[in-house]
Amino acid sequence: MDTAVLNNLASQIESLPPDEQLWLLRRIARSLRQPATTSKGAWDQSLVAMSGDPDIQREIREIAEEFLATETDGLEG
């Protein structure tokens, strides 16, 4: 998109009252999340692939070791 168009759009948004700016942000965020929810199958497949990746498994083990002390500190979580 043209920079001038984007600048004009930004100026128009800035002229809106804060509650309307928030409404617009929520609507944009919802529309950006929509494709992510429709491709849940692809997301699930990615998770399955990652779970079998030796590098990811190693990283998970390292993270678990780092937090081992906090898991055994006796505090209820």
PDB file of N, CA and C in Angstrom:
ATOM      1  N   MET A   1       0.845  -1.173   0.000  1.00  0.00           N
ATOM      2  CA  MET A   1       0.000   0.000   0.000  1.00  0.00           C
ATOM      3  C   MET A   1       0.890   1.235   0.000  1.00  0.00           C
ATOM      4  N   ASP A   2       0.420   2.263  -0.607  1.00  0.00           N
ATOM      5  CA  ASP A   2       1.139   3.523  -0.733  1.00  0.00           C
ATOM      6  C   ASP A   2       1.330   4.174   0.641  1.00  0.00           C
ATOM      7  N   THR A   3       2.527   4.706   0.873  1.00  0.00           N
ATOM      8  CA  THR A   3       2.841   5.345   2.150  1.00  0.00           C
ATOM      9  C   THR A   3       1.908   6.518   2.432  1.00  0.00           C
ATOM     10  N   ALA A   4       1.572   7.277   1.415  1.00  0.00           N
ATOM     11  CA  ALA A   4       0.670   8.414   1.601  1.00  0.00           C
ATOM     12  C   ALA A   4      -0.699   7.939   2.064  1.00  0.00           C
ATOM     13  N   VAL A   5      -1.162   6.839   1.511  1.00  0.00           N
ATOM     14  CA  VAL A   5      -2.457   6.285   1.915  1.00  0.00           C
ATOM     15  C   VAL A   5      -2.399   5.832   3.370  1.00  0.00           C
ATOM     16  N   LEU A   6      -1.302   5.159   3.729  1.00  0.00           N
ATOM     17  CA  LEU A   6      -1.155   4.705   5.118  1.00  0.00           C
ATOM     18  C   LEU A   6      -1.083   5.880   6.079  1.00  0.00           C
ATOM     19  N   ASN A   7      -0.346   6.924   5.717  1.00  0.00           N
ATOM     20  CA  ASN A   7      -0.261   8.108   6.578  1.00  0.00           C
ATOM     21  C   ASN A   7      -1.626   8.761   6.736  1.00  0.00           C
ATOM     22  N   ASN A   8      -2.390   8.826   5.665  1.00  0.00           N
ATOM     23  CA  ASN A   8      -3.731   9.398   5.723  1.00  0.00           C
ATOM     24  C   ASN A   8      -4.627   8.563   6.633  1.00  0.00           C
ATOM     25  N   LEU A   9      -4.534   7.249   6.487  1.00  0.00           N
ATOM     26  CA  LEU A   9      -5.314   6.352   7.333  1.00  0.00           C
ATOM     27  C   LEU A   9      -4.939   6.517   8.806  1.00  0.00           C
ATOM     28  N   ALA A  10      -3.635   6.605   9.087  1.00  0.00           N
ATOM     29  CA  ALA A  10      -3.174   6.791  10.457  1.00  0.00           C
ATOM     30  C   ALA A  10      -3.710   8.103  11.034  1.00  0.00           C
ATOM     31  N   SER A  11      -3.701   9.152  10.236  1.00  0.00           N
ATOM     32  CA  SER A  11      -4.227  10.445  10.701  1.00  0.00           C
ATOM     33  C   SER A  11      -5.712  10.364  11.014  1.00  0.00           C
ATOM     34  N   GLN A  12      -6.449   9.651  10.176  1.00  0.00           N
ATOM     35  CA  GLN A  12      -7.877   9.503  10.416  1.00  0.00           C
ATOM     36  C   GLN A  12      -8.134   8.713  11.696  1.00  0.00           C
ATOM     37  N   ILE A  13      -7.339   7.673  11.912  1.00  0.00           N
ATOM     38  CA  ILE A  13      -7.499   6.868  13.129  1.00  0.00           C
ATOM     39  C   ILE A  13      -7.182   7.700  14.361  1.00  0.00           C
ATOM     40  N   GLU A  14      -6.116   8.501  14.287  1.00  0.00           N
ATOM     41  CA  GLU A  14      -5.736   9.335  15.427  1.00  0.00           C
ATOM     42  C   GLU A  14      -6.797  10.375  15.754  1.00  0.00           C
ATOM     43  N   SER A  15      -7.609  10.745  14.778  1.00  0.00           N
ATOM     44  CA  SER A  15      -8.655  11.744  15.034  1.00  0.00           C
ATOM     45  C   SER A  15      -9.888  11.135  15.700  1.00  0.00           C
ATOM     46  N   LEU A  16      -9.961   9.812  15.747  1.00  0.00           N
ATOM     47  CA  LEU A  16     -11.092   9.154  16.401  1.00  0.00           C
ATOM     48  C   LEU A  16     -10.973   9.250  17.913  1.00  0.00           C
ATOM     49  N   PRO A  17     -12.087   9.225  18.615  1.00  0.00           N
ATOM     50  CA  PRO A  17     -12.040   9.166  20.077  1.00  0.00           C
ATOM     51  C   PRO A  17     -11.401   7.839  20.518  1.00  0.00           C
ATOM     52  N   PRO A  18     -10.789   7.822  21.701  1.00  0.00           N
ATOM     53  CA  PRO A  18     -10.095   6.615  22.164  1.00  0.00           C
ATOM     54  C   PRO A  18     -10.961   5.356  22.154  1.00  0.00           C
ATOM     55  N   ASP A  19     -12.235   5.446  22.528  1.00  0.00           N
ATOM     56  CA  ASP A  19     -13.064   4.243  22.545  1.00  0.00           C
ATOM     57  C   ASP A  19     -13.282   3.693  21.129  1.00  0.00           C
ATOM     58  N   GLU A  20     -13.365   4.556  20.144  1.00  0.00           N
ATOM     59  CA  GLU A  20     -13.516   4.092  18.763  1.00  0.00           C
ATOM     60  C   GLU A  20     -12.197   3.530  18.229  1.00  0.00           C
ATOM     61  N   GLN A  21     -11.076   4.090  18.665  1.00  0.00           N
ATOM     62  CA  GLN A  21      -9.774   3.536  18.291  1.00  0.00           C
ATOM     63  C   GLN A  21      -9.629   2.118  18.843  1.00  0.00           C
ATOM     64  N   LEU A  22     -10.033   1.917  20.105  1.00  0.00           N
ATOM     65  CA  LEU A  22      -9.979   0.584  20.702  1.00  0.00           C
ATOM     66  C   LEU A  22     -10.891  -0.397  19.978  1.00  0.00           C
ATOM     67  N   TRP A  23     -12.082   0.057  19.609  1.00  0.00           N
ATOM     68  CA  TRP A  23     -13.006  -0.796  18.868  1.00  0.00           C
ATOM     69  C   TRP A  23     -12.364  -1.246  17.555  1.00  0.00           C
ATOM     70  N   LEU A  24     -11.728  -0.290  16.863  1.00  0.00           N
ATOM     71  CA  LEU A  24     -11.084  -0.600  15.598  1.00  0.00           C
ATOM     72  C   LEU A  24      -9.931  -1.580  15.787  1.00  0.00           C
ATOM     73  N   LEU A  25      -9.137  -1.377  16.837  1.00  0.00           N
ATOM     74  CA  LEU A  25      -8.033  -2.296  17.119  1.00  0.00           C
ATOM     75  C   LEU A  25      -8.539  -3.710  17.393  1.00  0.00           C
ATOM     76  N   ARG A  26      -9.606  -3.812  18.161  1.00  0.00           N
ATOM     77  CA  ARG A  26     -10.179  -5.141  18.442  1.00  0.00           C
ATOM     78  C   ARG A  26     -10.664  -5.814  17.162  1.00  0.00           C
ATOM     79  N   ARG A  27     -11.291  -5.036  16.311  1.00  0.00           N
ATOM     80  CA  ARG A  27     -11.788  -5.598  15.050  1.00  0.00           C
ATOM     81  C   ARG A  27     -10.635  -6.058  14.165  1.00  0.00           C
ATOM     82  N   ILE A  28      -9.568  -5.271  14.106  1.00  0.00           N
ATOM     83  CA  ILE A  28      -8.394  -5.662  13.316  1.00  0.00           C
ATOM     84  C   ILE A  28      -7.759  -6.910  13.903  1.00  0.00           C
ATOM     85  N   ALA A  29      -7.614  -6.953  15.217  1.00  0.00           N
ATOM     86  CA  ALA A  29      -7.018  -8.123  15.866  1.00  0.00           C
ATOM     87  C   ALA A  29      -7.856  -9.368  15.603  1.00  0.00           C
ATOM     88  N   ARG A  30      -9.166  -9.235  15.683  1.00  0.00           N
ATOM     89  CA  ARG A  30     -10.056 -10.378  15.434  1.00  0.00           C
ATOM     90  C   ARG A  30      -9.895 -10.869  13.994  1.00  0.00           C
ATOM     91  N   SER A  31      -9.796  -9.950  13.043  1.00  0.00           N
ATOM     92  CA  SER A  31      -9.661 -10.366  11.648  1.00  0.00           C
ATOM     93  C   SER A  31      -8.297 -10.997  11.384  1.00  0.00           C
ATOM     94  N   LEU A  32      -7.269 -10.560  12.110  1.00  0.00           N
ATOM     95  CA  LEU A  32      -5.943 -11.168  11.956  1.00  0.00           C
ATOM     96  C   LEU A  32      -5.899 -12.560  12.550  1.00  0.00           C
ATOM     97  N   ARG A  33      -6.650 -12.784  13.625  1.00  0.00           N
ATOM     98  CA  ARG A  33      -6.676 -14.105  14.253  1.00  0.00           C
ATOM     99  C   ARG A  33      -7.529 -15.093  13.472  1.00  0.00           C
ATOM    100  N   GLN A  34      -8.471 -14.621  12.703  1.00  0.00           N
ATOM    101  CA  GLN A  34      -9.404 -15.493  11.989  1.00  0.00           C
ATOM    102  C   GLN A  34      -8.692 -16.536  11.130  1.00  0.00           C
ATOM    103  N   PRO A  35      -7.721 -16.171  10.290  1.00  0.00           N
ATOM    104  CA  PRO A  35      -7.058 -17.213   9.501  1.00  0.00           C
ATOM    105  C   PRO A  35      -6.353 -18.249  10.373  1.00  0.00           C
ATOM    106  N   ALA A  36      -5.842 -17.841  11.511  1.00  0.00           N
ATOM    107  CA  ALA A  36      -5.158 -18.783  12.402  1.00  0.00           C
ATOM    108  C   ALA A  36      -6.130 -19.832  12.927  1.00  0.00           C
ATOM    109  N   THR A  37      -7.355 -19.441  13.204  1.00  0.00           N
ATOM    110  CA  THR A  37      -8.315 -20.412  13.722  1.00  0.00           C
ATOM    111  C   THR A  37      -8.823 -21.330  12.623  1.00  0.00           C
ATOM    112  N   THR A  38      -8.833 -20.859  11.377  1.00  0.00           N
ATOM    113  CA  THR A  38      -9.308 -21.712  10.295  1.00  0.00           C
ATOM    114  C   THR A  38      -8.257 -22.733   9.878  1.00  0.00           C
ATOM    115  N   SER A  39      -6.996 -22.493  10.227  1.00  0.00           N
ATOM    116  CA  SER A  39      -5.949 -23.434   9.845  1.00  0.00           C
ATOM    117  C   SER A  39      -5.478 -24.245  11.056  1.00  0.00           C
ATOM    118  N   LYS A  40      -6.433 -24.617  11.928  1.00  0.00           N
ATOM    119  CA  LYS A  40      -6.087 -25.377  13.119  1.00  0.00           C
ATOM    120  C   LYS A  40      -5.418 -26.696  12.771  1.00  0.00           C
ATOM    121  N   GLY A  41      -5.842 -27.329  11.695  1.00  0.00           N
ATOM    122  CA  GLY A  41      -5.227 -28.584  11.284  1.00  0.00           C
ATOM    123  C   GLY A  41      -3.751 -28.413  10.981  1.00  0.00           C
ATOM    124  N   ALA A  42      -3.394 -27.319  10.310  1.00  0.00           N
ATOM    125  CA  ALA A  42      -1.985 -27.045  10.006  1.00  0.00           C
ATOM    126  C   ALA A  42      -1.215 -26.786  11.295  1.00  0.00           C
ATOM    127  N   TRP A  43      -1.838 -26.075  12.238  1.00  0.00           N
ATOM    128  CA  TRP A  43      -1.197 -25.794  13.530  1.00  0.00           C
ATOM    129  C   TRP A  43      -0.946 -27.104  14.279  1.00  0.00           C
ATOM    130  N   ASP A  44      -1.934 -27.968  14.306  1.00  0.00           N
ATOM    131  CA  ASP A  44      -1.778 -29.259  14.974  1.00  0.00           C
ATOM    132  C   ASP A  44      -0.670 -30.087  14.337  1.00  0.00           C
ATOM    133  N   GLN A  45      -0.607 -30.072  13.017  1.00  0.00           N
ATOM    134  CA  GLN A  45       0.444 -30.808  12.327  1.00  0.00           C
ATOM    135  C   GLN A  45       1.816 -30.253  12.668  1.00  0.00           C
ATOM    136  N   SER A  46       1.915 -28.938  12.795  1.00  0.00           N
ATOM    137  CA  SER A  46       3.187 -28.314  13.168  1.00  0.00           C
ATOM    138  C   SER A  46       3.604 -28.747  14.572  1.00  0.00           C
ATOM    139  N   LEU A  47       2.636 -28.800  15.487  1.00  0.00           N
ATOM    140  CA  LEU A  47       2.947 -29.225  16.850  1.00  0.00           C
ATOM    141  C   LEU A  47       3.425 -30.664  16.890  1.00  0.00           C
ATOM    142  N   VAL A  48       2.787 -31.519  16.107  1.00  0.00           N
ATOM    143  CA  VAL A  48       3.201 -32.921  16.057  1.00  0.00           C
ATOM    144  C   VAL A  48       4.621 -33.024  15.515  1.00  0.00           C
ATOM    145  N   ALA A  49       4.916 -32.270  14.455  1.00  0.00           N
ATOM    146  CA  ALA A  49       6.265 -32.292  13.879  1.00  0.00           C
ATOM    147  C   ALA A  49       7.292 -31.773  14.876  1.00  0.00           C
ATOM    148  N   MET A  50       6.944 -30.704  15.593  1.00  0.00           N
ATOM    149  CA  MET A  50       7.873 -30.145  16.575  1.00  0.00           C
ATOM    150  C   MET A  50       8.112 -31.119  17.719  1.00  0.00           C
ATOM    151  N   SER A  51       7.073 -31.833  18.117  1.00  0.00           N
ATOM    152  CA  SER A  51       7.239 -32.752  19.248  1.00  0.00           C
ATOM    153  C   SER A  51       8.195 -33.891  18.914  1.00  0.00           C
ATOM    154  N   GLY A  52       8.341 -34.219  17.646  1.00  0.00           N
ATOM    155  CA  GLY A  52       9.259 -35.275  17.246  1.00  0.00           C
ATOM    156  C   GLY A  52      10.655 -34.772  16.899  1.00  0.00           C
ATOM    157  N   ASP A  53      10.847 -33.462  16.922  1.00  0.00           N
ATOM    158  CA  ASP A  53      12.135 -32.863  16.563  1.00  0.00           C
ATOM    159  C   ASP A  53      13.131 -33.035  17.711  1.00  0.00           C
ATOM    160  N   PRO A  54      14.278 -33.682  17.477  1.00  0.00           N
ATOM    161  CA  PRO A  54      15.258 -33.895  18.549  1.00  0.00           C
ATOM    162  C   PRO A  54      15.773 -32.596  19.172  1.00  0.00           C
ATOM    163  N   ASP A  55      15.920 -31.553  18.372  1.00  0.00           N
ATOM    164  CA  ASP A  55      16.384 -30.272  18.921  1.00  0.00           C
ATOM    165  C   ASP A  55      15.354 -29.676  19.873  1.00  0.00           C
ATOM    166  N   ILE A  56      14.096 -29.776  19.516  1.00  0.00           N
ATOM    167  CA  ILE A  56      13.034 -29.263  20.386  1.00  0.00           C
ATOM    168  C   ILE A  56      12.969 -30.096  21.656  1.00  0.00           C
ATOM    169  N   GLN A  57      13.078 -31.411  21.533  1.00  0.00           N
ATOM    170  CA  GLN A  57      13.058 -32.280  22.707  1.00  0.00           C
ATOM    171  C   GLN A  57      14.208 -31.941  23.645  1.00  0.00           C
ATOM    172  N   ARG A  58      15.391 -31.676  23.080  1.00  0.00           N
ATOM    173  CA  ARG A  58      16.553 -31.302  23.896  1.00  0.00           C
ATOM    174  C   ARG A  58      16.291 -29.985  24.624  1.00  0.00           C
ATOM    175  N   GLU A  59      15.728 -29.031  23.912  1.00  0.00           N
ATOM    176  CA  GLU A  59      15.432 -27.728  24.515  1.00  0.00           C
ATOM    177  C   GLU A  59      14.420 -27.870  25.650  1.00  0.00           C
ATOM    178  N   ILE A  60      13.416 -28.710  25.459  1.00  0.00           N
ATOM    179  CA  ILE A  60      12.415 -28.940  26.506  1.00  0.00           C
ATOM    180  C   ILE A  60      13.060 -29.574  27.735  1.00  0.00           C
ATOM    181  N   ARG A  61      13.960 -30.528  27.511  1.00  0.00           N
ATOM    182  CA  ARG A  61      14.665 -31.145  28.647  1.00  0.00           C
ATOM    183  C   ARG A  61      15.504 -30.105  29.394  1.00  0.00           C
ATOM    184  N   GLU A  62      16.185 -29.235  28.659  1.00  0.00           N
ATOM    185  CA  GLU A  62      17.001 -28.193  29.294  1.00  0.00           C
ATOM    186  C   GLU A  62      16.136 -27.241  30.111  1.00  0.00           C
ATOM    187  N   ILE A  63      14.992 -26.866  29.568  1.00  0.00           N
ATOM    188  CA  ILE A  63      14.078 -25.980  30.297  1.00  0.00           C
ATOM    189  C   ILE A  63      13.570 -26.671  31.554  1.00  0.00           C
ATOM    190  N   ALA A  64      13.222 -27.951  31.431  1.00  0.00           N
ATOM    191  CA  ALA A  64      12.738 -28.706  32.583  1.00  0.00           C
ATOM    192  C   ALA A  64      13.806 -28.774  33.671  1.00  0.00           C
ATOM    193  N   GLU A  65      15.061 -28.968  33.275  1.00  0.00           N
ATOM    194  CA  GLU A  65      16.150 -29.004  34.252  1.00  0.00           C
ATOM    195  C   GLU A  65      16.316 -27.660  34.948  1.00  0.00           C
ATOM    196  N   GLU A  66      16.173 -26.561  34.182  1.00  0.00           N
ATOM    197  CA  GLU A  66      16.294 -25.225  34.770  1.00  0.00           C
ATOM    198  C   GLU A  66      15.226 -24.972  35.822  1.00  0.00           C
ATOM    199  N   PHE A  67      14.038 -25.502  35.611  1.00  0.00           N
ATOM    200  CA  PHE A  67      12.934 -25.254  36.530  1.00  0.00           C
ATOM    201  C   PHE A  67      12.778 -26.335  37.589  1.00  0.00           C
ATOM    202  N   LEU A  68      13.619 -27.324  37.576  1.00  0.00           N
ATOM    203  CA  LEU A  68      13.522 -28.418  38.534  1.00  0.00           C
ATOM    204  C   LEU A  68      13.597 -27.905  39.973  1.00  0.00           C
ATOM    205  N   ALA A  69      14.488 -26.954  40.238  1.00  0.00           N
ATOM    206  CA  ALA A  69      14.631 -26.415  41.595  1.00  0.00           C
ATOM    207  C   ALA A  69      13.336 -25.762  42.068  1.00  0.00           C
ATOM    208  N   THR A  70      12.637 -25.078  41.199  1.00  0.00           N
ATOM    209  CA  THR A  70      11.395 -24.429  41.615  1.00  0.00           C
ATOM    210  C   THR A  70      10.270 -25.447  41.800  1.00  0.00           C
ATOM    211  N   GLU A  71      10.343 -26.558  41.098  1.00  0.00           N
ATOM    212  CA  GLU A  71       9.320 -27.586  41.265  1.00  0.00           C
ATOM    213  C   GLU A  71       9.457 -28.311  42.593  1.00  0.00           C
ATOM    214  N   THR A  72      10.653 -28.318  43.142  1.00  0.00           N
ATOM    215  CA  THR A  72      10.894 -29.048  44.396  1.00  0.00           C
ATOM    216  C   THR A  72      11.071 -28.112  45.579  1.00  0.00           C
ATOM    217  N   ASP A  73      10.670 -26.844  45.458  1.00  0.00           N
ATOM    218  CA  ASP A  73      10.869 -25.899  46.547  1.00  0.00           C
ATOM    219  C   ASP A  73       9.809 -26.005  47.633  1.00  0.00           C
ATOM    220  N   GLY A  74       8.816 -26.865  47.438  1.00  0.00           N
ATOM    221  CA  GLY A  74       7.825 -27.089  48.478  1.00  0.00           C
ATOM    222  C   GLY A  74       6.658 -26.147  48.443  1.00  0.00           C
ATOM    223  N   LEU A  75       6.662 -25.200  47.531  1.00  0.00           N
ATOM    224  CA  LEU A  75       5.550 -24.262  47.444  1.00  0.00           C
ATOM    225  C   LEU A  75       4.454 -24.856  46.585  1.00  0.00           C
ATOM    226  N   GLU A  76       3.210 -24.590  46.991  1.00  0.00           N
ATOM    227  CA  GLU A  76       2.080 -25.030  46.191  1.00  0.00           C
ATOM    228  C   GLU A  76       1.901 -24.056  45.031  1.00  0.00           C
ATOM    229  N   GLY A  77       1.624 -24.541  43.849  1.00  0.00           N
ATOM    230  CA  GLY A  77       1.519 -23.652  42.696  1.00  0.00           C
ATOM    231  C   GLY A  77       0.234 -23.659  42.078  1.00  0.00           C
TER     232      GLY A  77
END
